[in-house]
mmCIF file of all heavy atoms, coordinates in Angstrom:
data_MODEL
# 
_entry.id   MODEL 
# 
loop_
_atom_site.group_PDB 
_atom_site.id 
_atom_site.type_symbol 
_atom_site.label_atom_id 
_atom_site.label_alt_id 
_atom_site.label_comp_id 
_atom_site.label_asym_id 
_atom_site.label_entity_id 
_atom_site.label_seq_id 
_atom_site.pdbx_PDB_ins_code 
_atom_site.Cartn_x 
_atom_site.Cartn_y 
_atom_site.Cartn_z 
_atom_site.occupancy 
_atom_site.B_iso_or_equiv 
_atom_site.pdbx_formal_charge 
_atom_site.auth_seq_id 
_atom_site.auth_comp_id 
_atom_site.auth_asym_id 
_atom_site.auth_atom_id 
_atom_site.pdbx_PDB_model_num 
ATOM 1   N N   . ALA A 1 1  ? 35.640 32.858 -61.467 1.00 0.00 ? 1  ALA A N   1 
ATOM 2   C CA  . ALA A 1 1  ? 34.435 33.762 -61.092 1.00 0.00 ? 1  ALA A CA  1 
ATOM 3   C C   . ALA A 1 1  ? 34.239 34.807 -62.129 1.00 0.00 ? 1  ALA A C   1 
ATOM 4   O O   . ALA A 1 1  ? 33.154 35.163 -62.480 1.00 0.00 ? 1  ALA A O   1 
ATOM 5   C CB  . ALA A 1 1  ? 34.662 34.376 -59.721 1.00 0.00 ? 1  ALA A CB  1 
ATOM 6   N N   . ALA A 1 2  ? 35.296 35.392 -62.640 1.00 0.00 ? 2  ALA A N   1 
ATOM 7   C CA  . ALA A 1 2  ? 35.184 36.450 -63.643 1.00 0.00 ? 2  ALA A CA  1 
ATOM 8   C C   . ALA A 1 2  ? 34.707 35.902 -64.950 1.00 0.00 ? 2  ALA A C   1 
ATOM 9   O O   . ALA A 1 2  ? 33.927 36.614 -65.690 1.00 0.00 ? 2  ALA A O   1 
ATOM 10  C CB  . ALA A 1 2  ? 36.588 37.151 -63.883 1.00 0.00 ? 2  ALA A CB  1 
ATOM 11  N N   . THR A 1 3  ? 35.082 34.724 -65.302 1.00 0.00 ? 3  THR A N   1 
ATOM 12  C CA  . THR A 1 3  ? 34.582 34.073 -66.553 1.00 0.00 ? 3  THR A CA  1 
ATOM 13  C C   . THR A 1 3  ? 33.097 33.866 -66.434 1.00 0.00 ? 3  THR A C   1 
ATOM 14  O O   . THR A 1 3  ? 32.349 34.169 -67.386 1.00 0.00 ? 3  THR A O   1 
ATOM 15  C CB  . THR A 1 3  ? 35.284 32.638 -66.713 1.00 0.00 ? 3  THR A CB  1 
ATOM 16  O OG1 . THR A 1 3  ? 36.671 32.840 -66.841 1.00 0.00 ? 3  THR A OG1 1 
ATOM 17  C CG2 . THR A 1 3  ? 34.727 32.036 -68.055 1.00 0.00 ? 3  THR A CG2 1 
ATOM 18  N N   . MET A 1 4  ? 32.624 33.412 -65.302 1.00 0.00 ? 4  MET A N   1 
ATOM 19  C CA  . MET A 1 4  ? 31.153 33.250 -65.122 1.00 0.00 ? 4  MET A CA  1 
ATOM 20  C C   . MET A 1 4  ? 30.445 34.607 -65.180 1.00 0.00 ? 4  MET A C   1 
ATOM 21  O O   . MET A 1 4  ? 29.348 34.754 -65.723 1.00 0.00 ? 4  MET A O   1 
ATOM 22  C CB  . MET A 1 4  ? 30.848 32.552 -63.763 1.00 0.00 ? 4  MET A CB  1 
ATOM 23  C CG  . MET A 1 4  ? 31.578 31.241 -63.609 1.00 0.00 ? 4  MET A CG  1 
ATOM 24  S SD  . MET A 1 4  ? 31.287 30.008 -64.846 1.00 0.00 ? 4  MET A SD  1 
ATOM 25  C CE  . MET A 1 4  ? 29.665 29.409 -64.301 1.00 0.00 ? 4  MET A CE  1 
ATOM 26  N N   . ALA A 1 5  ? 31.073 35.677 -64.613 1.00 0.00 ? 5  ALA A N   1 
ATOM 27  C CA  . ALA A 1 5  ? 30.489 36.979 -64.596 1.00 0.00 ? 5  ALA A CA  1 
ATOM 28  C C   . ALA A 1 5  ? 30.417 37.586 -66.055 1.00 0.00 ? 5  ALA A C   1 
ATOM 29  O O   . ALA A 1 5  ? 29.366 38.236 -66.374 1.00 0.00 ? 5  ALA A O   1 
ATOM 30  C CB  . ALA A 1 5  ? 31.252 37.934 -63.693 1.00 0.00 ? 5  ALA A CB  1 
ATOM 31  N N   . ILE A 1 6  ? 31.450 37.437 -66.825 1.00 0.00 ? 6  ILE A N   1 
ATOM 32  C CA  . ILE A 1 6  ? 31.440 38.093 -68.111 1.00 0.00 ? 6  ILE A CA  1 
ATOM 33  C C   . ILE A 1 6  ? 30.472 37.307 -69.033 1.00 0.00 ? 6  ILE A C   1 
ATOM 34  O O   . ILE A 1 6  ? 30.015 37.862 -70.029 1.00 0.00 ? 6  ILE A O   1 
ATOM 35  C CB  . ILE A 1 6  ? 32.874 38.229 -68.730 1.00 0.00 ? 6  ILE A CB  1 
ATOM 36  C CG1 . ILE A 1 6  ? 33.537 36.888 -68.963 1.00 0.00 ? 6  ILE A CG1 1 
ATOM 37  C CG2 . ILE A 1 6  ? 33.682 39.173 -67.833 1.00 0.00 ? 6  ILE A CG2 1 
ATOM 38  C CD1 . ILE A 1 6  ? 34.873 37.027 -69.694 1.00 0.00 ? 6  ILE A CD1 1 
ATOM 39  N N   . ALA A 1 7  ? 30.257 36.033 -68.720 1.00 0.00 ? 7  ALA A N   1 
ATOM 40  C CA  . ALA A 1 7  ? 29.299 35.326 -69.546 1.00 0.00 ? 7  ALA A CA  1 
ATOM 41  C C   . ALA A 1 7  ? 27.928 35.900 -69.347 1.00 0.00 ? 7  ALA A C   1 
ATOM 42  O O   . ALA A 1 7  ? 27.102 35.845 -70.318 1.00 0.00 ? 7  ALA A O   1 
ATOM 43  C CB  . ALA A 1 7  ? 29.259 33.804 -69.119 1.00 0.00 ? 7  ALA A CB  1 
ATOM 44  N N   . ASP A 1 8  ? 27.562 36.478 -68.224 1.00 0.00 ? 8  ASP A N   1 
ATOM 45  C CA  . ASP A 1 8  ? 26.257 37.086 -68.019 1.00 0.00 ? 8  ASP A CA  1 
ATOM 46  C C   . ASP A 1 8  ? 26.260 38.518 -68.344 1.00 0.00 ? 8  ASP A C   1 
ATOM 47  O O   . ASP A 1 8  ? 25.156 39.179 -68.529 1.00 0.00 ? 8  ASP A O   1 
ATOM 48  C CB  . ASP A 1 8  ? 25.869 36.965 -66.481 1.00 0.00 ? 8  ASP A CB  1 
ATOM 49  C CG  . ASP A 1 8  ? 25.608 35.517 -66.050 1.00 0.00 ? 8  ASP A CG  1 
ATOM 50  O OD1 . ASP A 1 8  ? 25.149 34.767 -67.000 1.00 0.00 ? 8  ASP A OD1 1 
ATOM 51  O OD2 . ASP A 1 8  ? 25.838 35.251 -64.942 1.00 0.00 ? 8  ASP A OD2 1 
ATOM 52  N N   . HIS A 1 9  ? 27.438 39.150 -68.530 1.00 0.00 ? 9  HIS A N   1 
ATOM 53  C CA  . HIS A 1 9  ? 27.553 40.538 -68.899 1.00 0.00 ? 9  HIS A CA  1 
ATOM 54  C C   . HIS A 1 9  ? 27.163 40.820 -70.375 1.00 0.00 ? 9  HIS A C   1 
ATOM 55  O O   . HIS A 1 9  ? 27.685 40.069 -71.231 1.00 0.00 ? 9  HIS A O   1 
ATOM 56  C CB  . HIS A 1 9  ? 28.879 41.112 -68.605 1.00 0.00 ? 9  HIS A CB  1 
ATOM 57  C CG  . HIS A 1 9  ? 29.128 42.531 -68.930 1.00 0.00 ? 9  HIS A CG  1 
ATOM 58  N ND1 . HIS A 1 9  ? 28.687 43.584 -68.204 1.00 0.00 ? 9  HIS A ND1 1 
ATOM 59  C CD2 . HIS A 1 9  ? 29.789 43.026 -70.028 1.00 0.00 ? 9  HIS A CD2 1 
ATOM 60  C CE1 . HIS A 1 9  ? 29.052 44.688 -68.769 1.00 0.00 ? 9  HIS A CE1 1 
ATOM 61  N NE2 . HIS A 1 9  ? 29.741 44.452 -69.894 1.00 0.00 ? 9  HIS A NE2 1 
ATOM 62  N N   . LYS A 1 10 ? 26.346 41.757 -70.697 1.00 0.00 ? 10 LYS A N   1 
ATOM 63  C CA  . LYS A 1 10 ? 25.973 42.028 -72.036 1.00 0.00 ? 10 LYS A CA  1 
ATOM 64  C C   . LYS A 1 10 ? 26.952 43.070 -72.659 1.00 0.00 ? 10 LYS A C   1 
ATOM 65  O O   . LYS A 1 10 ? 27.093 44.127 -72.128 1.00 0.00 ? 10 LYS A O   1 
ATOM 66  C CB  . LYS A 1 10 ? 24.550 42.577 -72.166 1.00 0.00 ? 10 LYS A CB  1 
ATOM 67  C CG  . LYS A 1 10 ? 23.566 41.660 -71.658 1.00 0.00 ? 10 LYS A CG  1 
ATOM 68  C CD  . LYS A 1 10 ? 23.524 40.335 -72.412 1.00 0.00 ? 10 LYS A CD  1 
ATOM 69  C CE  . LYS A 1 10 ? 22.491 39.362 -71.912 1.00 0.00 ? 10 LYS A CE  1 
ATOM 70  N NZ  . LYS A 1 10 ? 22.564 38.033 -72.541 1.00 0.00 ? 10 LYS A NZ  1 
ATOM 71  N N   . GLY A 1 11 ? 27.670 42.638 -73.676 1.00 0.00 ? 11 GLY A N   1 
ATOM 72  C CA  . GLY A 1 11 ? 28.597 43.599 -74.353 1.00 0.00 ? 11 GLY A CA  1 
ATOM 73  C C   . GLY A 1 11 ? 30.026 42.968 -74.392 1.00 0.00 ? 11 GLY A C   1 
ATOM 74  O O   . GLY A 1 11 ? 30.297 41.966 -73.815 1.00 0.00 ? 11 GLY A O   1 
ATOM 75  N N   . PRO A 1 12 ? 30.840 43.745 -75.078 1.00 0.00 ? 12 PRO A N   1 
ATOM 76  C CA  . PRO A 1 12 ? 32.275 43.222 -75.307 1.00 0.00 ? 12 PRO A CA  1 
ATOM 77  C C   . PRO A 1 12 ? 33.094 43.272 -73.992 1.00 0.00 ? 12 PRO A C   1 
ATOM 78  O O   . PRO A 1 12 ? 32.950 44.127 -73.206 1.00 0.00 ? 12 PRO A O   1 
ATOM 79  C CB  . PRO A 1 12 ? 32.872 44.264 -76.320 1.00 0.00 ? 12 PRO A CB  1 
ATOM 80  C CG  . PRO A 1 12 ? 31.681 44.972 -76.852 1.00 0.00 ? 12 PRO A CG  1 
ATOM 81  C CD  . PRO A 1 12 ? 30.675 45.010 -75.800 1.00 0.00 ? 12 PRO A CD  1 
ATOM 82  N N   . CYS A 1 13 ? 33.908 42.237 -73.832 1.00 0.00 ? 13 CYS A N   1 
ATOM 83  C CA  . CYS A 1 13 ? 34.873 42.146 -72.729 1.00 0.00 ? 13 CYS A CA  1 
ATOM 84  C C   . CYS A 1 13 ? 36.188 41.640 -73.208 1.00 0.00 ? 13 CYS A C   1 
ATOM 85  O O   . CYS A 1 13 ? 36.268 40.826 -74.095 1.00 0.00 ? 13 CYS A O   1 
ATOM 86  C CB  . CYS A 1 13 ? 34.298 41.120 -71.606 1.00 0.00 ? 13 CYS A CB  1 
ATOM 87  S SG  . CYS A 1 13 ? 32.792 41.660 -70.829 1.00 0.00 ? 13 CYS A SG  1 
ATOM 88  N N   . TYR A 1 14 ? 37.184 42.161 -72.428 1.00 0.00 ? 14 TYR A N   1 
ATOM 89  C CA  . TYR A 1 14 ? 38.543 41.646 -72.689 1.00 0.00 ? 14 TYR A CA  1 
ATOM 90  C C   . TYR A 1 14 ? 39.077 41.173 -71.332 1.00 0.00 ? 14 TYR A C   1 
ATOM 91  O O   . TYR A 1 14 ? 39.047 42.031 -70.387 1.00 0.00 ? 14 TYR A O   1 
ATOM 92  C CB  . TYR A 1 14 ? 39.499 42.660 -73.287 1.00 0.00 ? 14 TYR A CB  1 
ATOM 93  C CG  . TYR A 1 14 ? 40.938 42.258 -73.427 1.00 0.00 ? 14 TYR A CG  1 
ATOM 94  C CD1 . TYR A 1 14 ? 41.347 41.411 -74.460 1.00 0.00 ? 14 TYR A CD1 1 
ATOM 95  C CD2 . TYR A 1 14 ? 41.898 42.638 -72.473 1.00 0.00 ? 14 TYR A CD2 1 
ATOM 96  C CE1 . TYR A 1 14 ? 42.704 40.979 -74.543 1.00 0.00 ? 14 TYR A CE1 1 
ATOM 97  C CE2 . TYR A 1 14 ? 43.193 42.245 -72.578 1.00 0.00 ? 14 TYR A CE2 1 
ATOM 98  C CZ  . TYR A 1 14 ? 43.613 41.363 -73.600 1.00 0.00 ? 14 TYR A CZ  1 
ATOM 99  O OH  . TYR A 1 14 ? 44.898 41.004 -73.732 1.00 0.00 ? 14 TYR A OH  1 
ATOM 100 N N   . MET A 1 15 ? 39.515 39.970 -71.219 1.00 0.00 ? 15 MET A N   1 
ATOM 101 C CA  . MET A 1 15 ? 40.041 39.399 -69.983 1.00 0.00 ? 15 MET A CA  1 
ATOM 102 C C   . MET A 1 15 ? 41.487 38.854 -70.196 1.00 0.00 ? 15 MET A C   1 
ATOM 103 O O   . MET A 1 15 ? 41.694 38.064 -71.126 1.00 0.00 ? 15 MET A O   1 
ATOM 104 C CB  . MET A 1 15 ? 39.228 38.325 -69.362 1.00 0.00 ? 15 MET A CB  1 
ATOM 105 C CG  . MET A 1 15 ? 39.733 37.889 -67.952 1.00 0.00 ? 15 MET A CG  1 
ATOM 106 S SD  . MET A 1 15 ? 38.485 36.897 -67.081 1.00 0.00 ? 15 MET A SD  1 
ATOM 107 C CE  . MET A 1 15 ? 38.784 35.247 -67.751 1.00 0.00 ? 15 MET A CE  1 
ATOM 108 N N   . ARG A 1 16 ? 42.459 39.382 -69.386 1.00 0.00 ? 16 ARG A N   1 
ATOM 109 C CA  . ARG A 1 16 ? 43.851 38.895 -69.605 1.00 0.00 ? 16 ARG A CA  1 
ATOM 110 C C   . ARG A 1 16 ? 44.258 38.006 -68.391 1.00 0.00 ? 16 ARG A C   1 
ATOM 111 O O   . ARG A 1 16 ? 43.802 38.223 -67.247 1.00 0.00 ? 16 ARG A O   1 
ATOM 112 C CB  . ARG A 1 16 ? 44.758 40.149 -69.636 1.00 0.00 ? 16 ARG A CB  1 
ATOM 113 C CG  . ARG A 1 16 ? 44.991 40.776 -68.257 1.00 0.00 ? 16 ARG A CG  1 
ATOM 114 C CD  . ARG A 1 16 ? 45.941 42.040 -68.329 1.00 0.00 ? 16 ARG A CD  1 
ATOM 115 N NE  . ARG A 1 16 ? 47.039 42.026 -69.147 1.00 0.00 ? 16 ARG A NE  1 
ATOM 116 C CZ  . ARG A 1 16 ? 48.275 42.035 -68.700 1.00 0.00 ? 16 ARG A CZ  1 
ATOM 117 N NH1 . ARG A 1 16 ? 48.560 42.076 -67.399 1.00 0.00 ? 16 ARG A NH1 1 
ATOM 118 N NH2 . ARG A 1 16 ? 49.322 42.202 -69.509 1.00 0.00 ? 16 ARG A NH2 1 
ATOM 119 N N   . MET A 1 17 ? 45.030 37.005 -68.755 1.00 0.00 ? 17 MET A N   1 
ATOM 120 C CA  . MET A 1 17 ? 45.503 36.078 -67.722 1.00 0.00 ? 17 MET A CA  1 
ATOM 121 C C   . MET A 1 17 ? 46.982 35.682 -68.016 1.00 0.00 ? 17 MET A C   1 
ATOM 122 O O   . MET A 1 17 ? 47.400 35.805 -69.167 1.00 0.00 ? 17 MET A O   1 
ATOM 123 C CB  . MET A 1 17 ? 44.727 34.709 -67.752 1.00 0.00 ? 17 MET A CB  1 
ATOM 124 C CG  . MET A 1 17 ? 43.246 34.891 -67.473 1.00 0.00 ? 17 MET A CG  1 
ATOM 125 S SD  . MET A 1 17 ? 42.316 33.389 -67.529 1.00 0.00 ? 17 MET A SD  1 
ATOM 126 C CE  . MET A 1 17 ? 42.416 32.995 -69.316 1.00 0.00 ? 17 MET A CE  1 
ATOM 127 N N   . GLY A 1 18 ? 47.697 35.266 -66.991 1.00 0.00 ? 18 GLY A N   1 
ATOM 128 C CA  . GLY A 1 18 ? 49.049 34.885 -67.169 1.00 0.00 ? 18 GLY A CA  1 
ATOM 129 C C   . GLY A 1 18 ? 49.227 33.408 -67.594 1.00 0.00 ? 18 GLY A C   1 
ATOM 130 O O   . GLY A 1 18 ? 48.273 32.655 -67.733 1.00 0.00 ? 18 GLY A O   1 
ATOM 131 N N   . ARG A 1 19 ? 50.418 33.071 -67.797 1.00 0.00 ? 19 ARG A N   1 
ATOM 132 C CA  . ARG A 1 19 ? 50.748 31.703 -68.171 1.00 0.00 ? 19 ARG A CA  1 
ATOM 133 C C   . ARG A 1 19 ? 51.066 30.832 -66.959 1.00 0.00 ? 19 ARG A C   1 
ATOM 134 O O   . ARG A 1 19 ? 50.620 29.644 -66.890 1.00 0.00 ? 19 ARG A O   1 
ATOM 135 C CB  . ARG A 1 19 ? 51.966 31.736 -69.050 1.00 0.00 ? 19 ARG A CB  1 
ATOM 136 C CG  . ARG A 1 19 ? 52.517 30.311 -69.493 1.00 0.00 ? 19 ARG A CG  1 
ATOM 137 C CD  . ARG A 1 19 ? 53.824 30.428 -70.206 1.00 0.00 ? 19 ARG A CD  1 
ATOM 138 N NE  . ARG A 1 19 ? 54.275 29.197 -70.715 1.00 0.00 ? 19 ARG A NE  1 
ATOM 139 C CZ  . ARG A 1 19 ? 55.418 29.052 -71.435 1.00 0.00 ? 19 ARG A CZ  1 
ATOM 140 N NH1 . ARG A 1 19 ? 56.183 30.079 -71.639 1.00 0.00 ? 19 ARG A NH1 1 
ATOM 141 N NH2 . ARG A 1 19 ? 55.754 27.835 -71.936 1.00 0.00 ? 19 ARG A NH2 1 
ATOM 142 N N   . ALA A 1 20 ? 51.792 31.316 -65.964 1.00 0.00 ? 20 ALA A N   1 
ATOM 143 C CA  . ALA A 1 20 ? 52.344 30.585 -64.909 1.00 0.00 ? 20 ALA A CA  1 
ATOM 144 C C   . ALA A 1 20 ? 51.359 30.343 -63.766 1.00 0.00 ? 20 ALA A C   1 
ATOM 145 O O   . ALA A 1 20 ? 50.239 30.951 -63.734 1.00 0.00 ? 20 ALA A O   1 
ATOM 146 C CB  . ALA A 1 20 ? 53.554 31.240 -64.382 1.00 0.00 ? 20 ALA A CB  1 
ATOM 147 N N   . ASP A 1 21 ? 51.705 29.508 -62.892 1.00 0.00 ? 21 ASP A N   1 
ATOM 148 C CA  . ASP A 1 21 ? 50.885 29.284 -61.647 1.00 0.00 ? 21 ASP A CA  1 
ATOM 149 C C   . ASP A 1 21 ? 51.113 30.514 -60.739 1.00 0.00 ? 21 ASP A C   1 
ATOM 150 O O   . ASP A 1 21 ? 52.273 30.914 -60.520 1.00 0.00 ? 21 ASP A O   1 
ATOM 151 C CB  . ASP A 1 21 ? 51.355 28.010 -60.908 1.00 0.00 ? 21 ASP A CB  1 
ATOM 152 C CG  . ASP A 1 21 ? 50.964 26.762 -61.632 1.00 0.00 ? 21 ASP A CG  1 
ATOM 153 O OD1 . ASP A 1 21 ? 50.266 26.813 -62.613 1.00 0.00 ? 21 ASP A OD1 1 
ATOM 154 O OD2 . ASP A 1 21 ? 51.458 25.639 -61.236 1.00 0.00 ? 21 ASP A OD2 1 
ATOM 155 N N   . PHE A 1 22 ? 49.994 31.016 -60.167 1.00 0.00 ? 22 PHE A N   1 
ATOM 156 C CA  . PHE A 1 22 ? 50.076 32.136 -59.204 1.00 0.00 ? 22 PHE A CA  1 
ATOM 157 C C   . PHE A 1 22 ? 49.509 31.560 -57.834 1.00 0.00 ? 22 PHE A C   1 
ATOM 158 O O   . PHE A 1 22 ? 48.676 30.679 -57.851 1.00 0.00 ? 22 PHE A O   1 
ATOM 159 C CB  . PHE A 1 22 ? 49.095 33.306 -59.613 1.00 0.00 ? 22 PHE A CB  1 
ATOM 160 C CG  . PHE A 1 22 ? 49.421 33.942 -60.924 1.00 0.00 ? 22 PHE A CG  1 
ATOM 161 C CD1 . PHE A 1 22 ? 48.538 34.811 -61.504 1.00 0.00 ? 22 PHE A CD1 1 
ATOM 162 C CD2 . PHE A 1 22 ? 50.670 33.791 -61.589 1.00 0.00 ? 22 PHE A CD2 1 
ATOM 163 C CE1 . PHE A 1 22 ? 48.821 35.467 -62.659 1.00 0.00 ? 22 PHE A CE1 1 
ATOM 164 C CE2 . PHE A 1 22 ? 51.018 34.338 -62.743 1.00 0.00 ? 22 PHE A CE2 1 
ATOM 165 C CZ  . PHE A 1 22 ? 50.022 35.233 -63.348 1.00 0.00 ? 22 PHE A CZ  1 
ATOM 166 N N   . PRO A 1 23 ? 49.935 32.177 -56.744 1.00 0.00 ? 23 PRO A N   1 
ATOM 167 C CA  . PRO A 1 23 ? 49.315 31.802 -55.436 1.00 0.00 ? 23 PRO A CA  1 
ATOM 168 C C   . PRO A 1 23 ? 47.786 32.108 -55.458 1.00 0.00 ? 23 PRO A C   1 
ATOM 169 O O   . PRO A 1 23 ? 47.318 33.112 -56.042 1.00 0.00 ? 23 PRO A O   1 
ATOM 170 C CB  . PRO A 1 23 ? 50.026 32.744 -54.435 1.00 0.00 ? 23 PRO A CB  1 
ATOM 171 C CG  . PRO A 1 23 ? 51.313 33.079 -55.119 1.00 0.00 ? 23 PRO A CG  1 
ATOM 172 C CD  . PRO A 1 23 ? 51.010 33.167 -56.591 1.00 0.00 ? 23 PRO A CD  1 
ATOM 173 N N   . LEU A 1 24 ? 47.028 31.243 -54.764 1.00 0.00 ? 24 LEU A N   1 
ATOM 174 C CA  . LEU A 1 24 ? 45.539 31.473 -54.668 1.00 0.00 ? 24 LEU A CA  1 
ATOM 175 C C   . LEU A 1 24 ? 45.359 32.342 -53.397 1.00 0.00 ? 24 LEU A C   1 
ATOM 176 O O   . LEU A 1 24 ? 45.579 31.942 -52.308 1.00 0.00 ? 24 LEU A O   1 
ATOM 177 C CB  . LEU A 1 24 ? 44.857 30.094 -54.549 1.00 0.00 ? 24 LEU A CB  1 
ATOM 178 C CG  . LEU A 1 24 ? 44.851 29.209 -55.761 1.00 0.00 ? 24 LEU A CG  1 
ATOM 179 C CD1 . LEU A 1 24 ? 44.296 27.862 -55.418 1.00 0.00 ? 24 LEU A CD1 1 
ATOM 180 C CD2 . LEU A 1 24 ? 44.182 29.849 -56.899 1.00 0.00 ? 24 LEU A CD2 1 
ATOM 181 N N   . ILE A 1 25 ? 44.915 33.602 -53.656 1.00 0.00 ? 25 ILE A N   1 
ATOM 182 C CA  . ILE A 1 25 ? 44.756 34.506 -52.499 1.00 0.00 ? 25 ILE A CA  1 
ATOM 183 C C   . ILE A 1 25 ? 43.311 34.830 -52.323 1.00 0.00 ? 25 ILE A C   1 
ATOM 184 O O   . ILE A 1 25 ? 42.982 35.526 -51.325 1.00 0.00 ? 25 ILE A O   1 
ATOM 185 C CB  . ILE A 1 25 ? 45.575 35.838 -52.799 1.00 0.00 ? 25 ILE A CB  1 
ATOM 186 C CG1 . ILE A 1 25 ? 45.082 36.471 -54.093 1.00 0.00 ? 25 ILE A CG1 1 
ATOM 187 C CG2 . ILE A 1 25 ? 47.012 35.499 -52.842 1.00 0.00 ? 25 ILE A CG2 1 
ATOM 188 C CD1 . ILE A 1 25 ? 45.688 37.853 -54.290 1.00 0.00 ? 25 ILE A CD1 1 
ATOM 189 N N   . THR A 1 26 ? 42.404 34.402 -53.241 1.00 0.00 ? 26 THR A N   1 
ATOM 190 C CA  . THR A 1 26 ? 40.959 34.617 -52.958 1.00 0.00 ? 26 THR A CA  1 
ATOM 191 C C   . THR A 1 26 ? 40.271 33.276 -52.690 1.00 0.00 ? 26 THR A C   1 
ATOM 192 O O   . THR A 1 26 ? 40.842 32.222 -53.059 1.00 0.00 ? 26 THR A O   1 
ATOM 193 C CB  . THR A 1 26 ? 40.322 35.220 -54.241 1.00 0.00 ? 26 THR A CB  1 
ATOM 194 O OG1 . THR A 1 26 ? 40.465 34.308 -55.368 1.00 0.00 ? 26 THR A OG1 1 
ATOM 195 C CG2 . THR A 1 26 ? 40.958 36.556 -54.606 1.00 0.00 ? 26 THR A CG2 1 
ATOM 196 N N   . PRO A 1 27 ? 39.138 33.331 -52.035 1.00 0.00 ? 27 PRO A N   1 
ATOM 197 C CA  . PRO A 1 27 ? 38.456 32.008 -51.700 1.00 0.00 ? 27 PRO A CA  1 
ATOM 198 C C   . PRO A 1 27 ? 37.997 31.254 -52.918 1.00 0.00 ? 27 PRO A C   1 
ATOM 199 O O   . PRO A 1 27 ? 37.777 31.804 -53.994 1.00 0.00 ? 27 PRO A O   1 
ATOM 200 C CB  . PRO A 1 27 ? 37.235 32.459 -50.897 1.00 0.00 ? 27 PRO A CB  1 
ATOM 201 C CG  . PRO A 1 27 ? 37.429 33.903 -50.561 1.00 0.00 ? 27 PRO A CG  1 
ATOM 202 C CD  . PRO A 1 27 ? 38.434 34.457 -51.554 1.00 0.00 ? 27 PRO A CD  1 
# 
């Protein structure tokens, strides 16, 4: 969802992500 949001956002963005599998806690 954040990837889709920053694609529409005008201006520089930095997004950080981990390497491993995390539990899915959001829908």
